[in-house]
Amino acid sequence: MTPDYLDRLARSEPLDGWRPDELVAALAMVEGLDATRKRWEPSTVVVDIRYARYRRRLRQELDHRIADDNLL
């Protein structure tokens, strides 16, 4: 079964309810999909922006959690 990370990200689901392993797996999935995409097609601009937003959200949440762990 394929994880529904992209659907959850597309719905702007709050990331604070995600487990750390889900955040890491989702980030790896988005980076993998982005790396294998055909960039020369005109329709990919929207996908570029979407993947960039997903990556930023996931990285910010991971960074936030790491910072919180270091404060404890």
N, C-alpha and C. Protein backbone atom coordinates (compact mmCIF):
# COMPACT_ATOMS: atom_id res chain seq x y z
N MET A 1 0.84 -1.18 0.00
CA MET A 1 0.00 0.00 0.00
C MET A 1 0.88 1.24 0.00
N THR A 2 0.56 2.18 -0.86
CA THR A 2 1.32 3.42 -0.97
C THR A 2 0.85 4.40 0.09
N PRO A 3 1.79 5.01 0.82
CA PRO A 3 1.39 6.01 1.81
C PRO A 3 0.66 7.17 1.14
N ASP A 4 -0.26 7.76 1.85
CA ASP A 4 -1.06 8.86 1.31
C ASP A 4 -0.46 10.23 1.65
N TYR A 5 0.85 10.30 1.74
CA TYR A 5 1.51 11.54 2.14
C TYR A 5 1.17 12.71 1.22
N LEU A 6 1.18 12.48 -0.09
CA LEU A 6 0.91 13.57 -1.01
C LEU A 6 -0.52 14.09 -0.86
N ASP A 7 -1.47 13.19 -0.65
CA ASP A 7 -2.85 13.63 -0.42
C ASP A 7 -2.95 14.46 0.85
N ARG A 8 -2.30 14.00 1.89
CA ARG A 8 -2.33 14.72 3.16
C ARG A 8 -1.67 16.09 3.03
N LEU A 9 -0.57 16.16 2.29
CA LEU A 9 0.10 17.44 2.07
C LEU A 9 -0.76 18.36 1.21
N ALA A 10 -1.40 17.81 0.20
CA ALA A 10 -2.23 18.61 -0.70
C ALA A 10 -3.42 19.21 0.04
N ARG A 11 -3.92 18.51 1.04
CA ARG A 11 -5.03 19.03 1.84
C ARG A 11 -4.54 19.99 2.93
N SER A 12 -3.25 20.26 2.96
CA SER A 12 -2.65 21.13 3.97
C SER A 12 -2.96 20.64 5.38
N GLU A 13 -2.92 19.33 5.52
CA GLU A 13 -3.14 18.74 6.84
C GLU A 13 -2.05 19.23 7.80
N PRO A 14 -2.42 19.62 9.01
CA PRO A 14 -1.41 20.08 9.97
C PRO A 14 -0.37 18.99 10.23
N LEU A 15 0.88 19.37 10.21
CA LEU A 15 1.96 18.41 10.35
C LEU A 15 2.25 18.06 11.81
N ASP A 16 1.70 18.81 12.73
CA ASP A 16 2.00 18.53 14.13
C ASP A 16 1.42 17.20 14.61
N GLY A 17 0.48 16.64 13.86
CA GLY A 17 -0.07 15.34 14.21
C GLY A 17 0.65 14.17 13.55
N TRP A 18 1.62 14.46 12.71
CA TRP A 18 2.36 13.41 12.02
C TRP A 18 3.44 12.86 12.93
N ARG A 19 3.68 11.56 12.82
CA ARG A 19 4.80 10.95 13.54
C ARG A 19 6.10 11.35 12.85
N PRO A 20 7.21 11.38 13.59
CA PRO A 20 8.50 11.75 12.97
C PRO A 20 8.87 10.87 11.77
N ASP A 21 8.60 9.56 11.87
CA ASP A 21 8.93 8.68 10.75
C ASP A 21 8.09 9.00 9.51
N GLU A 22 6.86 9.47 9.72
CA GLU A 22 6.02 9.88 8.59
C GLU A 22 6.59 11.13 7.93
N LEU A 23 7.05 12.07 8.72
CA LEU A 23 7.63 13.30 8.17
C LEU A 23 8.86 12.98 7.33
N VAL A 24 9.73 12.13 7.85
CA VAL A 24 10.95 11.76 7.13
C VAL A 24 10.61 11.01 5.85
N ALA A 25 9.67 10.07 5.94
CA ALA A 25 9.28 9.29 4.75
C ALA A 25 8.62 10.19 3.70
N ALA A 26 7.78 11.11 4.14
CA ALA A 26 7.12 12.02 3.20
C ALA A 26 8.14 12.92 2.51
N LEU A 27 9.11 13.43 3.27
CA LEU A 27 10.15 14.26 2.67
C LEU A 27 10.96 13.47 1.65
N ALA A 28 11.30 12.24 1.99
CA ALA A 28 12.04 11.39 1.04
C ALA A 28 11.21 11.12 -0.21
N MET A 29 9.91 10.90 -0.03
CA MET A 29 9.04 10.64 -1.18
C MET A 29 8.96 11.87 -2.10
N VAL A 30 8.76 13.05 -1.51
CA VAL A 30 8.66 14.27 -2.31
C VAL A 30 9.98 14.54 -3.03
N GLU A 31 11.10 14.37 -2.34
CA GLU A 31 12.39 14.58 -2.99
C GLU A 31 12.63 13.57 -4.09
N GLY A 32 12.22 12.32 -3.88
CA GLY A 32 12.38 11.30 -4.91
C GLY A 32 11.52 11.57 -6.13
N LEU A 33 10.28 11.95 -5.90
CA LEU A 33 9.40 12.28 -7.03
C LEU A 33 9.92 13.49 -7.80
N ASP A 34 10.41 14.47 -7.08
CA ASP A 34 10.94 15.67 -7.72
C ASP A 34 12.18 15.35 -8.54
N ALA A 35 13.02 14.47 -8.04
CA ALA A 35 14.26 14.13 -8.74
C ALA A 35 14.01 13.35 -10.04
N THR A 36 12.92 12.60 -10.10
CA THR A 36 12.66 11.76 -11.28
C THR A 36 11.70 12.40 -12.28
N ARG A 37 11.25 13.61 -12.00
CA ARG A 37 10.27 14.27 -12.86
C ARG A 37 10.94 14.88 -14.09
N LYS A 38 10.17 14.93 -15.18
CA LYS A 38 10.65 15.57 -16.41
C LYS A 38 10.47 17.08 -16.27
N ARG A 39 11.55 17.80 -16.28
CA ARG A 39 11.50 19.23 -16.03
C ARG A 39 11.28 20.07 -17.29
N TRP A 40 11.37 19.48 -18.44
CA TRP A 40 11.25 20.27 -19.67
C TRP A 40 9.81 20.44 -20.13
N GLU A 41 8.87 19.82 -19.48
CA GLU A 41 7.48 19.96 -19.87
C GLU A 41 6.88 21.23 -19.26
N PRO A 42 6.12 22.00 -20.04
CA PRO A 42 5.56 23.26 -19.54
C PRO A 42 4.68 23.11 -18.30
N SER A 43 4.00 22.01 -18.17
CA SER A 43 3.08 21.83 -17.04
C SER A 43 3.80 21.56 -15.72
N THR A 44 5.10 21.41 -15.76
CA THR A 44 5.83 21.06 -14.53
C THR A 44 6.07 22.25 -13.61
N VAL A 45 5.81 23.46 -14.06
CA VAL A 45 6.03 24.63 -13.20
C VAL A 45 5.15 24.55 -11.95
N VAL A 46 3.91 24.17 -12.13
CA VAL A 46 3.00 24.05 -10.98
C VAL A 46 3.49 22.94 -10.04
N VAL A 47 3.96 21.84 -10.62
CA VAL A 47 4.47 20.74 -9.81
C VAL A 47 5.73 21.17 -9.06
N ASP A 48 6.61 21.93 -9.72
CA ASP A 48 7.81 22.45 -9.06
C ASP A 48 7.44 23.26 -7.83
N ILE A 49 6.49 24.15 -7.97
CA ILE A 49 6.06 25.01 -6.86
C ILE A 49 5.44 24.17 -5.76
N ARG A 50 4.61 23.23 -6.13
CA ARG A 50 3.95 22.38 -5.14
C ARG A 50 4.97 21.56 -4.35
N TYR A 51 5.89 20.90 -5.05
CA TYR A 51 6.91 20.10 -4.36
C TYR A 51 7.78 20.98 -3.48
N ALA A 52 8.10 22.17 -3.94
CA ALA A 52 8.91 23.09 -3.13
C ALA A 52 8.18 23.46 -1.85
N ARG A 53 6.88 23.69 -1.93
CA ARG A 53 6.08 24.02 -0.74
C ARG A 53 6.02 22.83 0.21
N TYR A 54 5.82 21.64 -0.33
CA TYR A 54 5.77 20.45 0.51
C TYR A 54 7.10 20.24 1.23
N ARG A 55 8.20 20.36 0.48
CA ARG A 55 9.54 20.21 1.08
C ARG A 55 9.75 21.22 2.20
N ARG A 56 9.40 22.48 1.94
CA ARG A 56 9.59 23.53 2.94
C ARG A 56 8.78 23.24 4.20
N ARG A 57 7.51 22.86 4.04
CA ARG A 57 6.67 22.54 5.20
C ARG A 57 7.24 21.38 6.00
N LEU A 58 7.64 20.32 5.31
CA LEU A 58 8.17 19.14 5.99
C LEU A 58 9.48 19.46 6.71
N ARG A 59 10.37 20.18 6.05
CA ARG A 59 11.65 20.53 6.67
C ARG A 59 11.46 21.46 7.86
N GLN A 60 10.54 22.41 7.74
CA GLN A 60 10.28 23.31 8.86
C GLN A 60 9.75 22.55 10.07
N GLU A 61 8.85 21.62 9.83
CA GLU A 61 8.31 20.84 10.95
C GLU A 61 9.39 19.97 11.57
N LEU A 62 10.21 19.33 10.75
CA LEU A 62 11.30 18.52 11.29
C LEU A 62 12.28 19.39 12.07
N ASP A 63 12.64 20.55 11.54
CA ASP A 63 13.55 21.46 12.24
C ASP A 63 12.95 21.91 13.56
N HIS A 64 11.67 22.21 13.55
CA HIS A 64 10.98 22.64 14.76
C HIS A 64 11.03 21.55 15.83
N ARG A 65 10.78 20.32 15.43
CA ARG A 65 10.80 19.22 16.39
C ARG A 65 12.20 18.96 16.93
N ILE A 66 13.20 19.09 16.07
CA ILE A 66 14.58 18.91 16.52
C ILE A 66 14.94 20.00 17.53
N ALA A 67 14.54 21.22 17.24
CA ALA A 67 14.80 22.34 18.16
C ALA A 67 14.11 22.09 19.50
N ASP A 68 12.86 21.62 19.45
CA ASP A 68 12.13 21.34 20.69
C ASP A 68 12.81 20.24 21.50
N ASP A 69 13.31 19.22 20.81
CA ASP A 69 14.01 18.12 21.51
C ASP A 69 15.30 18.61 22.16
N ASN A 70 15.98 19.55 21.51
CA ASN A 70 17.24 20.07 22.06
C ASN A 70 17.00 20.97 23.27
N LEU A 71 15.80 21.51 23.40
CA LEU A 71 15.50 22.38 24.53
C LEU A 71 15.15 21.58 25.78
N LEU A 72 14.79 20.32 25.60
CA LEU A 72 14.37 19.51 26.76
C LEU A 72 15.53 19.10 27.62
